[in-house]
């Protein structure tokens, strides 16, 4: 889960429609050099890709989706700051 969280937005461009796919690919390319099993790599990839659709195929993927959407449950002051920053980012 920690690797999925770390890599889930490592590739991010506001107009890129493949952020999740590119991030998952970067994770796999890097983590393939470790001793992680194929099953672990597949799980990490699945967690990252799930942040695009917010559909959980694997049971633990629900945690990843919750992490990705956590801002929506934050205190209103924090959410308002986030919302302003997003608007500023997309204005560019």
Protein backbone atom coordinates (compact mmCIF):
# COMPACT_ATOMS: atom_id res chain seq x y z
CA UNK A 1 0.00 0.00 0.00
CA UNK A 2 2.82 2.42 0.83
CA UNK A 3 4.33 2.05 -2.65
CA UNK A 4 0.92 2.60 -4.26
CA UNK A 5 0.38 5.76 -2.23
CA UNK A 6 3.87 7.04 -3.04
CA UNK A 7 3.61 6.39 -6.78
CA UNK A 8 -0.08 7.11 -7.37
CA UNK A 9 0.46 10.68 -8.62
CA UNK A 10 4.18 10.62 -9.33
CA UNK A 11 3.29 11.45 -12.94
CA UNK A 12 0.77 14.27 -12.95
CA UNK A 13 -0.26 16.79 -15.53
CA UNK A 14 -3.56 18.58 -15.27
CA UNK A 15 -4.43 17.94 -18.91
CA UNK A 16 -2.90 14.44 -19.10
CA UNK A 17 -5.63 11.81 -19.28
CA UNK A 18 -3.14 9.02 -18.52
CA UNK A 19 -1.72 10.17 -15.17
CA UNK A 20 -2.69 6.95 -13.40
CA UNK A 21 -1.43 4.71 -16.18
CA UNK A 22 1.84 6.64 -16.45
CA UNK A 23 2.28 6.60 -12.66
CA UNK A 24 1.63 2.85 -12.52
CA UNK A 25 4.14 2.28 -15.32
CA UNK A 26 6.76 4.37 -13.51
CA UNK A 27 6.12 2.40 -10.31
CA UNK A 28 6.48 -0.94 -12.06
CA UNK A 29 9.62 0.11 -13.92
CA UNK A 30 11.24 1.18 -10.67
CA UNK A 31 9.90 -1.53 -8.36
CA UNK A 32 10.74 -4.31 -10.84
CA UNK A 33 14.34 -3.80 -9.73
CA UNK A 34 13.45 -4.80 -6.16
CA UNK A 35 12.67 -8.18 -4.64
CA UNK A 36 8.90 -7.58 -4.71
CA UNK A 37 6.93 -10.48 -6.10
CA UNK A 38 4.92 -10.32 -9.31
CA UNK A 39 1.78 -10.51 -7.18
CA UNK A 40 2.89 -7.49 -5.13
CA UNK A 41 3.65 -5.51 -8.29
CA UNK A 42 0.27 -6.39 -9.78
CA UNK A 43 -1.46 -5.27 -6.57
CA UNK A 44 0.43 -1.97 -6.52
CA UNK A 45 -0.48 -1.37 -10.15
CA UNK A 46 -4.13 -2.19 -9.45
CA UNK A 47 -4.25 0.22 -6.50
CA UNK A 48 -2.78 3.05 -8.58
CA UNK A 49 -5.07 2.45 -11.56
CA UNK A 50 -8.13 2.37 -9.28
CA UNK A 51 -7.61 6.04 -8.44
CA UNK A 52 -8.74 6.88 -11.98
CA UNK A 53 -12.19 5.33 -11.77
CA UNK A 54 -12.51 4.98 -7.99
CA UNK A 55 -13.71 1.41 -8.45
CA UNK A 56 -12.18 -1.12 -6.10
CA UNK A 57 -11.54 -4.52 -7.63
CA UNK A 58 -9.38 -5.71 -4.73
CA UNK A 59 -10.63 -5.44 -1.17
CA UNK A 60 -7.66 -3.37 0.03
CA UNK A 61 -8.02 -1.04 -2.94
CA UNK A 62 -10.86 0.63 -1.03
CA UNK A 63 -8.20 2.07 1.31
CA UNK A 64 -6.35 3.53 -1.66
CA UNK A 65 -9.51 5.16 -2.98
CA UNK A 66 -10.29 6.55 0.47
CA UNK A 67 -6.79 7.99 0.62
CA UNK A 68 -7.15 9.55 -2.82
CA UNK A 69 -10.51 11.15 -1.97
CA UNK A 70 -9.72 12.09 1.64
CA UNK A 71 -9.81 15.82 0.87
CA UNK A 72 -13.56 15.54 0.36
CA UNK A 73 -13.99 14.60 4.02
CA UNK A 74 -11.63 17.22 5.41
CA UNK A 75 -12.68 20.24 7.49
CA UNK A 76 -14.32 22.94 5.37
CA UNK A 77 -11.46 25.43 5.83
CA UNK A 78 -8.94 22.89 4.50
CA UNK A 79 -11.23 21.92 1.63
CA UNK A 80 -11.74 25.56 0.66
CA UNK A 81 -7.96 26.10 0.46
CA UNK A 82 -7.64 22.97 -1.67
CA UNK A 83 -10.50 24.11 -3.90
CA UNK A 84 -8.91 27.51 -4.45
CA UNK A 85 -5.57 25.91 -5.35
CA UNK A 86 -7.24 23.57 -7.85
CA UNK A 87 -9.04 26.48 -9.50
CA UNK A 88 -5.75 28.37 -9.73
CA UNK A 89 -3.99 25.32 -11.21
CA UNK A 90 -6.61 24.82 -13.93
CA UNK A 91 -6.67 28.51 -14.82
CA UNK A 92 -3.16 28.28 -16.28
